[in-house]
């Protein structure tokens, strides 16, 4: 921004009037807008200019024309200096204000960019979760099927490769990774439509991740988020609470009341992928006095008892109308919010 030419114009105006009678009157010089700005922003110089003009008036009364002219010249020069100083102060203040505005805009821009990036990440995560949930529904539907679609097989292979990369990052050895990589390559080449092959490959890759996680005394930061995402991908509803992660499914029991082996296998794979802490499961039943549901729950407990660490999971019944009969919800207590 170019400085305003007010001081120069003011100097010209003073020079033009220097020899006139009106220029000898103080109200001509000191009543201008520029002089008022000088009075406000450069009061010391302005006061000296007024004092010099007063000395000029005294010399004029004494008939000392030379002294009067010298004082008037001094007064004009001091007033010009005062106006220039006032202009400089104004420009400095405006420059500071502009710099402050630029900093505020820069900070706002940074916040806007950060917010935009966060929104983009949220949208990407939402889209990824939506895709994962659709594929999880396909995979979960395989509990009643022996074949796998091409789209679901692609989803399984993608998930397996992500699991293997995660296992490697967590410290899995090449010897541990090689068999699963070879199996994944085989499935990629041959494209078998067997649901059991796809499910077994996915589960074993998650077990390997769990084995590497088990080397840590407690879940690492971000493990609760990983648990929610993995559960969702493998067909379970998942919620991250403040003190735990809650996993829920209506597929533990089939329409005939029998325990679904496929769902139990998938749940055990989830337990092995996230090996820390106890897990408390509750089976929703219409009423605790039912004769049917205790037998069904006992079958589920028996299936959980075949796990490598059966004491990790506790199972009980709860009478509730908020969940459908046979819905199982399990609390992973060790996976807390950071």
C-alpha atoms as a PDB file:
ATOM      1  CA  UNK A   1       0.000   0.000   0.000  1.00  0.00           C
ATOM      2  CA  UNK A   2       1.472   3.444  -1.008  1.00  0.00           C
ATOM      3  CA  UNK A   3       1.670   6.124   1.711  1.00  0.00           C
ATOM      4  CA  UNK A   4      -0.682   9.027   1.418  1.00  0.00           C
ATOM      5  CA  UNK A   5       0.887  12.284   0.008  1.00  0.00           C
ATOM      6  CA  UNK A   6      -0.642  14.478   2.711  1.00  0.00           C
ATOM      7  CA  UNK A   7       2.676  15.716   4.213  1.00  0.00           C
ATOM      8  CA  UNK A   8       3.993  16.782   0.801  1.00  0.00           C
ATOM      9  CA  UNK A   9       0.779  18.634  -0.040  1.00  0.00           C
ATOM     10  CA  UNK A  10       0.853  20.216   3.394  1.00  0.00           C
ATOM     11  CA  UNK A  11       4.406  21.436   2.803  1.00  0.00           C
ATOM     12  CA  UNK A  12       3.392  22.924  -0.573  1.00  0.00           C
ATOM     13  CA  UNK A  13       0.429  24.643   1.039  1.00  0.00           C
ATOM     14  CA  UNK A  14       2.645  26.147   3.721  1.00  0.00           C
ATOM     15  CA  UNK A  15       5.221  27.287   1.140  1.00  0.00           C
ATOM     16  CA  UNK A  16       2.529  28.867  -1.005  1.00  0.00           C
ATOM     17  CA  UNK A  17       1.260  30.845   1.935  1.00  0.00           C
ATOM     18  CA  UNK A  18       4.616  31.589   3.522  1.00  0.00           C
ATOM     19  CA  UNK A  19       4.758  35.174   2.318  1.00  0.00           C
ATOM     20  CA  UNK A  20       1.087  36.055   2.678  1.00  0.00           C
ATOM     21  CA  UNK A  21      -0.443  37.856   5.631  1.00  0.00           C
ATOM     22  CA  UNK A  22      -2.949  35.040   6.252  1.00  0.00           C
ATOM     23  CA  UNK A  23      -0.074  32.581   6.764  1.00  0.00           C
ATOM     24  CA  UNK A  24       0.970  34.691   9.749  1.00  0.00           C
ATOM     25  CA  UNK A  25      -2.271  33.780  11.567  1.00  0.00           C
ATOM     26  CA  UNK A  26      -1.988  30.567  13.638  1.00  0.00           C
ATOM     27  CA  UNK A  27      -5.522  29.413  12.843  1.00  0.00           C
ATOM     28  CA  UNK A  28      -4.541  29.060   9.171  1.00  0.00           C
ATOM     29  CA  UNK A  29      -1.783  26.536   9.935  1.00  0.00           C
ATOM     30  CA  UNK A  30      -3.000  24.862  13.097  1.00  0.00           C
ATOM     31  CA  UNK A  31      -6.684  24.454  12.176  1.00  0.00           C
ATOM     32  CA  UNK A  32      -6.169  22.175   9.172  1.00  0.00           C
ATOM     33  CA  UNK A  33      -7.113  18.462   9.303  1.00  0.00           C
ATOM     34  CA  UNK A  34      -3.445  17.553   8.953  1.00  0.00           C
ATOM     35  CA  UNK A  35      -2.490  19.775  11.892  1.00  0.00           C
ATOM     36  CA  UNK A  36      -5.250  18.209  13.990  1.00  0.00           C
ATOM     37  CA  UNK A  37      -3.847  14.746  13.203  1.00  0.00           C
ATOM     38  CA  UNK A  38      -0.411  16.007  14.206  1.00  0.00           C
ATOM     39  CA  UNK A  39      -1.858  17.325  17.483  1.00  0.00           C
ATOM     40  CA  UNK A  40      -3.304  13.862  18.179  1.00  0.00           C
ATOM     41  CA  UNK A  41      -0.452  11.604  17.035  1.00  0.00           C
ATOM     42  CA  UNK A  42       2.664  13.823  17.438  1.00  0.00           C
ATOM     43  CA  UNK A  43       1.760  16.114  20.342  1.00  0.00           C
ATOM     44  CA  UNK A  44       5.364  16.979  21.285  1.00  0.00           C
ATOM     45  CA  UNK A  45       6.305  18.287  17.834  1.00  0.00           C
ATOM     46  CA  UNK A  46       2.932  19.997  17.497  1.00  0.00           C
ATOM     47  CA  UNK A  47       3.443  21.741  20.833  1.00  0.00           C
ATOM     48  CA  UNK A  48       6.908  22.905  19.764  1.00  0.00           C
ATOM     49  CA  UNK A  49       5.435  24.265  16.521  1.00  0.00           C
ATOM     50  CA  UNK A  50       2.781  26.199  18.455  1.00  0.00           C
ATOM     51  CA  UNK A  51       5.448  27.483  20.858  1.00  0.00           C
ATOM     52  CA  UNK A  52       7.603  28.704  17.957  1.00  0.00           C
ATOM     53  CA  UNK A  53       4.592  30.480  16.473  1.00  0.00           C
ATOM     54  CA  UNK A  54       3.906  32.136  19.831  1.00  0.00           C
ATOM     55  CA  UNK A  55       7.528  33.344  19.889  1.00  0.00           C
ATOM     56  CA  UNK A  56       6.984  34.700  16.363  1.00  0.00           C
ATOM     57  CA  UNK A  57       3.956  36.659  17.566  1.00  0.00           C
ATOM     58  CA  UNK A  58       5.964  38.098  20.447  1.00  0.00           C
ATOM     59  CA  UNK A  59       8.759  39.138  18.056  1.00  0.00           C
ATOM     60  CA  UNK A  60       6.175  40.700  15.752  1.00  0.00           C
ATOM     61  CA  UNK A  61       4.817  42.782  18.617  1.00  0.00           C
ATOM     62  CA  UNK A  62       8.395  43.891  19.350  1.00  0.00           C
ATOM     63  CA  UNK A  63       8.757  44.932  15.702  1.00  0.00           C
ATOM     64  CA  UNK A  64      11.575  42.397  15.308  1.00  0.00           C
ATOM     65  CA  UNK A  65      10.687  41.235  11.808  1.00  0.00           C
ATOM     66  CA  UNK A  66      13.782  39.046  11.345  1.00  0.00           C
ATOM     67  CA  UNK A  67      13.169  37.110  14.577  1.00  0.00           C
ATOM     68  CA  UNK A  68       9.468  36.828  13.748  1.00  0.00           C
ATOM     69  CA  UNK A  69      10.244  35.362  10.314  1.00  0.00           C
ATOM     70  CA  UNK A  70      12.745  32.911  11.808  1.00  0.00           C
ATOM     71  CA  UNK A  71      10.254  31.713  14.425  1.00  0.00           C
ATOM     72  CA  UNK A  72       7.479  31.397  11.825  1.00  0.00           C
ATOM     73  CA  UNK A  73       9.808  29.320   9.602  1.00  0.00           C
ATOM     74  CA  UNK A  74      10.742  27.155  12.575  1.00  0.00           C
ATOM     75  CA  UNK A  75       7.071  26.737  13.455  1.00  0.00           C
ATOM     76  CA  UNK A  76       6.165  25.728   9.898  1.00  0.00           C
ATOM     77  CA  UNK A  77       9.017  23.210   9.730  1.00  0.00           C
ATOM     78  CA  UNK A  78       8.097  21.740  13.106  1.00  0.00           C
ATOM     79  CA  UNK A  79       4.469  21.473  12.042  1.00  0.00           C
ATOM     80  CA  UNK A  80       5.478  19.723   8.798  1.00  0.00           C
ATOM     81  CA  UNK A  81       7.599  17.326  10.857  1.00  0.00           C
ATOM     82  CA  UNK A  82       4.678  16.765  13.208  1.00  0.00           C
ATOM     83  CA  UNK A  83       2.344  16.004  10.293  1.00  0.00           C
ATOM     84  CA  UNK A  84       4.904  13.625   8.779  1.00  0.00           C
ATOM     85  CA  UNK A  85       5.373  11.903  12.145  1.00  0.00           C
ATOM     86  CA  UNK A  86       1.594  11.600  12.561  1.00  0.00           C
ATOM     87  CA  UNK A  87       1.332  10.072   9.103  1.00  0.00           C
ATOM     88  CA  UNK A  88       4.153   7.630   9.904  1.00  0.00           C
ATOM     89  CA  UNK A  89       2.457   6.593  13.127  1.00  0.00           C
ATOM     90  CA  UNK A  90      -0.838   6.097  11.304  1.00  0.00           C
ATOM     91  CA  UNK A  91       0.860   4.009   8.614  1.00  0.00           C
ATOM     92  CA  UNK A  92       2.653   1.905  11.233  1.00  0.00           C
ATOM     93  CA  UNK A  93      -0.610   1.277  13.062  1.00  0.00           C
ATOM     94  CA  UNK A  94      -2.378   0.395   9.842  1.00  0.00           C
ATOM     95  CA  UNK A  95       0.501  -1.879   8.853  1.00  0.00           C
ATOM     96  CA  UNK A  96       0.264  -3.604  12.235  1.00  0.00           C
ATOM     97  CA  UNK A  97      -3.492  -3.972  11.819  1.00  0.00           C
ATOM     98  CA  UNK A  98      -3.027  -5.442   8.352  1.00  0.00           C
ATOM     99  CA  UNK A  99      -0.397  -7.851   9.631  1.00  0.00           C
ATOM    100  CA  UNK A 100      -2.749  -8.879  12.416  1.00  0.00           C
ATOM    101  CA  UNK A 101      -5.552  -9.375   9.902  1.00  0.00           C
ATOM    102  CA  UNK A 102      -3.237 -11.403   7.662  1.00  0.00           C
ATOM    103  CA  UNK A 103      -2.240 -13.577  10.628  1.00  0.00           C
ATOM    104  CA  UNK A 104      -5.875 -14.050  11.607  1.00  0.00           C
ATOM    105  CA  UNK A 105      -6.791 -14.950   8.034  1.00  0.00           C
ATOM    106  CA  UNK A 106      -3.812 -17.321   7.816  1.00  0.00           C
ATOM    107  CA  UNK A 107      -4.874 -19.032  11.037  1.00  0.00           C
ATOM    108  CA  UNK A 108      -8.471 -19.170   9.844  1.00  0.00           C
ATOM    109  CA  UNK A 109      -7.318 -20.603   6.521  1.00  0.00           C
ATOM    110  CA  UNK A 110      -5.259 -23.215   8.356  1.00  0.00           C
ATOM    111  CA  UNK A 111      -8.268 -24.094  10.499  1.00  0.00           C
ATOM    112  CA  UNK A 112     -10.491 -24.266   7.432  1.00  0.00           C
ATOM    113  CA  UNK A 113      -7.985 -26.482   5.629  1.00  0.00           C
ATOM    114  CA  UNK A 114      -7.671 -28.717   8.675  1.00  0.00           C
ATOM    115  CA  UNK A 115     -11.449 -28.897   8.986  1.00  0.00           C
ATOM    116  CA  UNK A 116     -11.775 -29.677   5.282  1.00  0.00           C
ATOM    117  CA  UNK A 117      -9.176 -32.421   5.599  1.00  0.00           C
ATOM    118  CA  UNK A 118     -11.006 -33.822   8.629  1.00  0.00           C
ATOM    119  CA  UNK A 119     -14.296 -33.773   6.728  1.00  0.00           C
ATOM    120  CA  UNK A 120     -12.626 -35.477   3.774  1.00  0.00           C
ATOM    121  CA  UNK A 121     -11.200 -38.124   6.112  1.00  0.00           C
ATOM    122  CA  UNK A 122     -14.606 -38.589   7.719  1.00  0.00           C
ATOM    123  CA  UNK A 123     -16.251 -38.938   4.315  1.00  0.00           C
ATOM    124  CA  UNK A 124     -13.595 -41.409   3.188  1.00  0.00           C
ATOM    125  CA  UNK A 125     -13.922 -43.339   6.436  1.00  0.00           C
ATOM    126  CA  UNK A 126     -17.715 -43.311   6.124  1.00  0.00           C
ATOM    127  CA  UNK A 127     -17.559 -44.513   2.536  1.00  0.00           C
ATOM    128  CA  UNK A 128     -15.012 -47.175   3.471  1.00  0.00           C
ATOM    129  CA  UNK A 129     -17.141 -48.280   6.400  1.00  0.00           C
ATOM    130  CA  UNK A 130     -20.232 -48.395   4.205  1.00  0.00           C
ATOM    131  CA  UNK A 131     -18.398 -50.589   1.693  1.00  0.00           C
ATOM    132  CA  UNK A 132     -17.010 -52.728   4.489  1.00  0.00           C
ATOM    133  CA  UNK A 133     -20.461 -53.160   6.007  1.00  0.00           C
ATOM    134  CA  UNK A 134     -21.932 -54.203   2.664  1.00  0.00           C
ATOM    135  CA  UNK A 135     -19.156 -56.733   2.208  1.00  0.00           C
ATOM    136  CA  UNK A 136     -19.557 -57.846   5.814  1.00  0.00           C
ATOM    137  CA  UNK A 137     -23.218 -58.515   5.159  1.00  0.00           C
ATOM    138  CA  UNK A 138     -22.230 -60.629   2.178  1.00  0.00           C
ATOM    139  CA  UNK A 139     -19.677 -62.537   4.227  1.00  0.00           C
ATOM    140  CA  UNK A 140     -22.083 -62.970   7.127  1.00  0.00           C
ATOM    141  CA  UNK A 141     -24.681 -64.353   4.748  1.00  0.00           C
ATOM    142  CA  UNK A 142     -22.249 -67.162   3.929  1.00  0.00           C
ATOM    143  CA  UNK A 143     -23.262 -68.832   7.168  1.00  0.00           C
ATOM    144  CA  UNK A 144     -26.023 -70.403   5.106  1.00  0.00           C
ATOM    145  CA  UNK A 145     -24.014 -70.776   1.892  1.00  0.00           C
ATOM    146  CA  UNK A 146     -21.043 -72.736   0.623  1.00  0.00           C
ATOM    147  CA  UNK A 147     -20.076 -70.390  -2.205  1.00  0.00           C
ATOM    148  CA  UNK A 148     -18.603 -66.890  -2.321  1.00  0.00           C
ATOM    149  CA  UNK A 149     -19.231 -64.148  -4.867  1.00  0.00           C
ATOM    150  CA  UNK A 150     -16.411 -62.501  -6.797  1.00  0.00           C
ATOM    151  CA  UNK A 151     -17.030 -59.176  -5.034  1.00  0.00           C
ATOM    152  CA  UNK A 152     -16.911 -60.763  -1.597  1.00  0.00           C
ATOM    153  CA  UNK A 153     -13.762 -62.690  -2.494  1.00  0.00           C
ATOM    154  CA  UNK A 154     -12.099 -59.432  -3.544  1.00  0.00           C
ATOM    155  CA  UNK A 155     -13.122 -57.877  -0.214  1.00  0.00           C
ATOM    156  CA  UNK A 156     -11.690 -60.841   1.679  1.00  0.00           C
ATOM    157  CA  UNK A 157      -8.389 -60.669  -0.207  1.00  0.00           C
ATOM    158  CA  UNK A 158      -8.109 -56.930   0.426  1.00  0.00           C
ATOM    159  CA  UNK A 159      -8.725 -57.457   4.102  1.00  0.00           C
ATOM    160  CA  UNK A 160      -6.229 -60.311   4.261  1.00  0.00           C
ATOM    161  CA  UNK A 161      -3.500 -58.172   2.675  1.00  0.00           C
ATOM    162  CA  UNK A 162      -4.230 -55.370   5.150  1.00  0.00           C
ATOM    163  CA  UNK A 163      -4.032 -57.839   8.027  1.00  0.00           C
ATOM    164  CA  UNK A 164      -0.706 -59.188   6.784  1.00  0.00           C
ATOM    165  CA  UNK A 165       0.706 -55.672   6.456  1.00  0.00           C
ATOM    166  CA  UNK A 166      -0.493 -54.884   9.979  1.00  0.00           C
ATOM    167  CA  UNK A 167       0.988 -58.112  11.350  1.00  0.00           C
ATOM    168  CA  UNK A 168       4.325 -57.266   9.740  1.00  0.00           C
ATOM    169  CA  UNK A 169       4.216 -53.765  11.235  1.00  0.00           C
ATOM    170  CA  UNK A 170       3.512 -55.288  14.643  1.00  0.00           C
ATOM    171  CA  UNK A 171       6.533 -57.545  14.386  1.00  0.00           C
ATOM    172  CA  UNK A 172       5.422 -60.761  12.638  1.00  0.00           C
ATOM    173  CA  UNK A 173       8.334 -62.629  11.080  1.00  0.00           C
ATOM    174  CA  UNK A 174       8.712 -63.576   7.433  1.00  0.00           C
ATOM    175  CA  UNK A 175       8.327 -67.213   8.451  1.00  0.00           C
ATOM    176  CA  UNK A 176       4.932 -66.424   9.974  1.00  0.00           C
ATOM    177  CA  UNK A 177       3.805 -64.322   7.025  1.00  0.00           C
ATOM    178  CA  UNK A 178       4.943 -66.537   4.147  1.00  0.00           C
ATOM    179  CA  UNK A 179       2.287 -69.313   4.410  1.00  0.00           C
ATOM    180  CA  UNK A 180      -0.572 -66.810   4.466  1.00  0.00           C
ATOM    181  CA  UNK A 181       0.898 -64.814   1.591  1.00  0.00           C
ATOM    182  CA  UNK A 182       1.178 -67.998  -0.454  1.00  0.00           C
ATOM    183  CA  UNK A 183      -2.424 -68.900   0.331  1.00  0.00           C
ATOM    184  CA  UNK A 184      -3.567 -65.386  -0.607  1.00  0.00           C
ATOM    185  CA  UNK A 185      -1.642 -65.582  -3.895  1.00  0.00           C
ATOM    186  CA  UNK A 186      -3.207 -68.965  -4.624  1.00  0.00           C
ATOM    187  CA  UNK A 187      -6.725 -67.647  -3.987  1.00  0.00           C
ATOM    188  CA  UNK A 188      -5.966 -64.603  -6.152  1.00  0.00           C
ATOM    189  CA  UNK A 189      -4.846 -66.790  -9.054  1.00  0.00           C
ATOM    190  CA  UNK A 190      -7.383 -69.611  -8.828  1.00  0.00           C
ATOM    191  CA  UNK A 191     -10.395 -67.571  -7.659  1.00  0.00           C
ATOM    192  CA  UNK A 192     -12.112 -70.468  -5.845  1.00  0.00           C
ATOM    193  CA  UNK A 193     -15.749 -69.844  -4.981  1.00  0.00           C
ATOM    194  CA  UNK A 194     -15.561 -71.762  -1.710  1.00  0.00           C
ATOM    195  CA  UNK A 195     -16.870 -69.784   1.240  1.00  0.00           C
ATOM    196  CA  UNK A 196     -14.911 -71.975   3.645  1.00  0.00           C
ATOM    197  CA  UNK A 197     -11.585 -71.230   1.904  1.00  0.00           C
ATOM    198  CA  UNK A 198     -12.245 -67.479   1.955  1.00  0.00           C
ATOM    199  CA  UNK A 199     -13.406 -67.496   5.557  1.00  0.00           C
ATOM    200  CA  UNK A 200     -10.481 -69.635   6.709  1.00  0.00           C
ATOM    201  CA  UNK A 201      -7.946 -67.364   5.020  1.00  0.00           C
ATOM    202  CA  UNK A 202      -9.489 -64.260   6.551  1.00  0.00           C
ATOM    203  CA  UNK A 203      -9.702 -65.796  10.001  1.00  0.00           C
ATOM    204  CA  UNK A 204      -6.113 -67.072   9.946  1.00  0.00           C
ATOM    205  CA  UNK A 205      -4.808 -63.644   8.920  1.00  0.00           C
ATOM    206  CA  UNK A 206      -6.646 -62.103  11.871  1.00  0.00           C
ATOM    207  CA  UNK A 207      -5.280 -64.779  14.193  1.00  0.00           C
ATOM    208  CA  UNK A 208      -1.744 -63.865  13.099  1.00  0.00           C
ATOM    209  CA  UNK A 209      -2.448 -60.218  13.918  1.00  0.00           C
ATOM    210  CA  UNK A 210      -3.731 -61.342  17.316  1.00  0.00           C
ATOM    211  CA  UNK A 211      -0.591 -63.375  17.950  1.00  0.00           C
ATOM    212  CA  UNK A 212       1.580 -60.329  17.361  1.00  0.00           C
ATOM    213  CA  UNK A 213      -0.686 -58.191  19.559  1.00  0.00           C
ATOM    214  CA  UNK A 214      -0.477 -60.791  22.337  1.00  0.00           C
ATOM    215  CA  UNK A 215       3.194 -59.917  22.821  1.00  0.00           C
ATOM    216  CA  UNK A 216       2.057 -56.625  24.350  1.00  0.00           C
ATOM    217  CA  UNK A 217       0.877 -56.601  27.986  1.00  0.00           C
ATOM    218  CA  UNK A 218      -2.181 -54.509  27.110  1.00  0.00           C
ATOM    219  CA  UNK A 219      -3.901 -53.121  23.999  1.00  0.00           C
ATOM    220  CA  UNK A 220      -1.893 -50.529  22.130  1.00  0.00           C
ATOM    221  CA  UNK A 221      -3.332 -47.061  21.347  1.00  0.00           C
ATOM    222  CA  UNK A 222      -5.933 -47.326  18.590  1.00  0.00           C
ATOM    223  CA  UNK A 223      -6.720 -50.984  19.337  1.00  0.00           C
ATOM    224  CA  UNK A 224     -10.322 -50.189  20.271  1.00  0.00           C
ATOM    225  CA  UNK A 225     -10.856 -48.534  16.883  1.00  0.00           C
ATOM    226  CA  UNK A 226      -9.262 -51.506  15.138  1.00  0.00           C
ATOM    227  CA  UNK A 227     -11.535 -53.860  17.076  1.00  0.00           C
ATOM    228  CA  UNK A 228     -14.653 -51.959  16.000  1.00  0.00           C
ATOM    229  CA  UNK A 229     -13.534 -51.907  12.355  1.00  0.00           C
ATOM    230  CA  UNK A 230     -12.558 -55.594  12.307  1.00  0.00           C
ATOM    231  CA  UNK A 231     -15.795 -56.633  13.983  1.00  0.00           C
ATOM    232  CA  UNK A 232     -17.812 -54.626  11.469  1.00  0.00           C
ATOM    233  CA  UNK A 233     -15.956 -56.158   8.532  1.00  0.00           C
ATOM    234  CA  UNK A 234     -16.537 -59.670   9.845  1.00  0.00           C
ATOM    235  CA  UNK A 235     -20.284 -59.231  10.245  1.00  0.00           C
ATOM    236  CA  UNK A 236     -20.784 -57.949  13.797  1.00  0.00           C
ATOM    237  CA  UNK A 237     -22.317 -54.711  15.001  1.00  0.00           C
ATOM    238  CA  UNK A 238     -19.775 -52.842  17.093  1.00  0.00           C
ATOM    239  CA  UNK A 239     -19.891 -49.800  19.352  1.00  0.00           C
ATOM    240  CA  UNK A 240     -16.989 -48.120  21.108  1.00  0.00           C
ATOM    241  CA  UNK A 241     -18.054 -47.111  24.597  1.00  0.00           C
ATOM    242  CA  UNK A 242     -16.058 -45.023  27.045  1.00  0.00           C
ATOM    243  CA  UNK A 243     -14.911 -48.032  29.032  1.00  0.00           C
ATOM    244  CA  UNK A 244     -15.084 -50.922  26.560  1.00  0.00           C
ATOM    245  CA  UNK A 245     -16.038 -52.105  23.064  1.00  0.00           C
ATOM    246  CA  UNK A 246     -19.425 -53.774  22.656  1.00  0.00           C
ATOM    247  CA  UNK A 247     -19.876 -56.401  19.932  1.00  0.00           C
ATOM    248  CA  UNK A 248     -23.366 -57.552  18.979  1.00  0.00           C
ATOM    249  CA  UNK A 249     -24.889 -60.099  16.590  1.00  0.00           C
ATOM    250  CA  UNK A 250     -28.248 -61.751  15.937  1.00  0.00           C
ATOM    251  CA  UNK A 251     -26.639 -64.608  14.021  1.00  0.00           C
ATOM    252  CA  UNK A 252     -25.294 -66.759  16.856  1.00  0.00           C
ATOM    253  CA  UNK A 253     -28.486 -68.813  16.641  1.00  0.00           C
ATOM    254  CA  UNK A 254     -30.124 -69.979  13.430  1.00  0.00           C
ATOM    255  CA  UNK A 255     -33.832 -69.920  12.687  1.00  0.00           C
ATOM    256  CA  UNK A 256     -34.070 -73.457  14.086  1.00  0.00           C
ATOM    257  CA  UNK A 257     -32.516 -72.356  17.385  1.00  0.00           C
ATOM    258  CA  UNK A 258     -29.245 -74.169  16.784  1.00  0.00           C
ATOM    259  CA  UNK A 259     -25.908 -72.464  17.367  1.00  0.00           C
ATOM    260  CA  UNK A 260     -24.423 -71.138  14.142  1.00  0.00           C
ATOM    261  CA  UNK A 261     -20.990 -72.712  13.774  1.00  0.00           C
ATOM    262  CA  UNK A 262     -19.933 -70.128  11.195  1.00  0.00           C
ATOM    263  CA  UNK A 263     -20.791 -67.196  13.484  1.00  0.00           C
ATOM    264  CA  UNK A 264     -19.043 -68.835  16.424  1.00  0.00           C
ATOM    265  CA  UNK A 265     -15.940 -69.445  14.280  1.00  0.00           C
ATOM    266  CA  UNK A 266     -15.983 -65.826  13.198  1.00  0.00           C
ATOM    267  CA  UNK A 267     -16.352 -64.651  16.793  1.00  0.00           C
ATOM    268  CA  UNK A 268     -13.531 -66.872  18.003  1.00  0.00           C
ATOM    269  CA  UNK A 269     -11.368 -65.456  15.214  1.00  0.00           C
ATOM    270  CA  UNK A 270     -12.200 -61.976  16.530  1.00  0.00           C
ATOM    271  CA  UNK A 271     -11.231 -63.049  20.047  1.00  0.00           C
ATOM    272  CA  UNK A 272      -7.927 -64.395  18.784  1.00  0.00           C
ATOM    273  CA  UNK A 273      -7.248 -61.229  16.774  1.00  0.00           C
ATOM    274  CA  UNK A 274      -7.784 -59.117  19.909  1.00  0.00           C
ATOM    275  CA  UNK A 275      -6.373 -61.258  22.693  1.00  0.00           C
ATOM    276  CA  UNK A 276      -6.385 -58.928  25.705  1.00  0.00           C
ATOM    277  CA  UNK A 277      -8.669 -59.043  28.706  1.00  0.00           C
ATOM    278  CA  UNK A 278     -11.887 -60.831  29.659  1.00  0.00           C
ATOM    279  CA  UNK A 279     -14.991 -60.827  27.465  1.00  0.00           C
ATOM    280  CA  UNK A 280     -18.465 -60.897  29.003  1.00  0.00           C
ATOM    281  CA  UNK A 281     -21.289 -62.096  26.733  1.00  0.00           C
ATOM    282  CA  UNK A 282     -25.005 -61.778  27.386  1.00  0.00           C
ATOM    283  CA  UNK A 283     -27.720 -63.591  25.471  1.00  0.00           C
ATOM    284  CA  UNK A 284     -30.998 -61.677  25.214  1.00  0.00           C
ATOM    285  CA  UNK A 285     -33.996 -63.879  26.067  1.00  0.00           C
ATOM    286  CA  UNK A 286     -37.724 -63.107  26.377  1.00  0.00           C
ATOM    287  CA  UNK A 287     -37.820 -64.259  30.006  1.00  0.00           C
ATOM    288  CA  UNK A 288     -35.441 -65.999  32.369  1.00  0.00           C
ATOM    289  CA  UNK A 289     -38.010 -68.674  33.221  1.00  0.00           C
ATOM    290  CA  UNK A 290     -38.001 -69.939  29.616  1.00  0.00           C
ATOM    291  CA  UNK A 291     -37.198 -73.629  29.253  1.00  0.00           C
ATOM    292  CA  UNK A 292     -35.973 -73.320  25.660  1.00  0.00           C
ATOM    293  CA  UNK A 293     -33.331 -70.634  25.914  1.00  0.00           C
ATOM    294  CA  UNK A 294     -31.264 -72.123  28.752  1.00  0.00           C
ATOM    295  CA  UNK A 295     -30.630 -75.172  26.571  1.00  0.00           C
ATOM    296  CA  UNK A 296     -29.639 -73.007  23.619  1.00  0.00           C
ATOM    297  CA  UNK A 297     -27.344 -70.854  25.741  1.00  0.00           C
ATOM    298  CA  UNK A 298     -25.773 -74.014  27.175  1.00  0.00           C
ATOM    299  CA  UNK A 299     -24.939 -75.100  23.606  1.00  0.00           C
ATOM    300  CA  UNK A 300     -23.292 -71.754  22.982  1.00  0.00           C
ATOM    301  CA  UNK A 301     -21.286 -72.031  26.209  1.00  0.00           C
ATOM    302  CA  UNK A 302     -20.204 -75.518  25.136  1.00  0.00           C
ATOM    303  CA  UNK A 303     -18.988 -74.156  21.795  1.00  0.00           C
ATOM    304  CA  UNK A 304     -17.072 -71.355  23.511  1.00  0.00           C
ATOM    305  CA  UNK A 305     -15.550 -73.979  25.785  1.00  0.00           C
ATOM    306  CA  UNK A 306     -13.685 -75.474  22.822  1.00  0.00           C
ATOM    307  CA  UNK A 307     -11.576 -72.335  22.542  1.00  0.00           C
ATOM    308  CA  UNK A 308      -7.907 -72.365  23.387  1.00  0.00           C
ATOM    309  CA  UNK A 309      -8.646 -70.071  26.352  1.00  0.00           C
ATOM    310  CA  UNK A 310     -12.237 -70.942  27.341  1.00  0.00           C
ATOM    311  CA  UNK A 311     -12.087 -69.089  30.654  1.00  0.00           C
ATOM    312  CA  UNK A 312     -11.664 -65.778  28.872  1.00  0.00           C
ATOM    313  CA  UNK A 313     -15.349 -65.646  27.866  1.00  0.00           C
ATOM    314  CA  UNK A 314     -18.195 -65.643  30.380  1.00  0.00           C
ATOM    315  CA  UNK A 315     -21.767 -66.135  29.146  1.00  0.00           C
ATOM    316  CA  UNK A 316     -25.067 -65.319  30.822  1.00  0.00           C
ATOM    317  CA  UNK A 317     -28.692 -64.638  29.960  1.00  0.00           C
ATOM    318  CA  UNK A 318     -30.500 -61.330  30.306  1.00  0.00           C
ATOM    319  CA  UNK A 319     -34.247 -60.771  29.953  1.00  0.00           C
ATOM    320  CA  UNK A 320     -34.843 -57.701  27.802  1.00  0.00           C
ATOM    321  CA  UNK A 321     -37.247 -56.406  25.184  1.00  0.00           C
ATOM    322  CA  UNK A 322     -34.750 -53.949  23.714  1.00  0.00           C
ATOM    323  CA  UNK A 323     -32.930 -56.730  21.824  1.00  0.00           C
ATOM    324  CA  UNK A 324     -34.317 -59.557  19.752  1.00  0.00           C
ATOM    325  CA  UNK A 325     -34.387 -62.984  21.358  1.00  0.00           C
ATOM    326  CA  UNK A 326     -31.089 -64.754  20.782  1.00  0.00           C
ATOM    327  CA  UNK A 327     -29.102 -61.583  20.216  1.00  0.00           C
ATOM    328  CA  UNK A 328     -25.665 -61.905  21.777  1.00  0.00           C
ATOM    329  CA  UNK A 329     -23.719 -58.871  22.909  1.00  0.00           C
ATOM    330  CA  UNK A 330     -20.183 -59.169  24.239  1.00  0.00           C
ATOM    331  CA  UNK A 331     -18.143 -56.584  26.108  1.00  0.00           C
ATOM    332  CA  UNK A 332     -14.387 -56.413  25.474  1.00  0.00           C
ATOM    333  CA  UNK A 333     -13.464 -54.693  28.722  1.00  0.00           C
ATOM    334  CA  UNK A 334      -9.747 -54.218  28.019  1.00  0.00           C
ATOM    335  CA  UNK A 335     -10.345 -52.098  24.925  1.00  0.00           C
ATOM    336  CA  UNK A 336     -11.022 -48.705  26.420  1.00  0.00           C
ATOM    337  CA  UNK A 337     -10.938 -45.235  24.954  1.00  0.00           C
ATOM    338  CA  UNK A 338      -7.490 -43.636  25.208  1.00  0.00           C
END
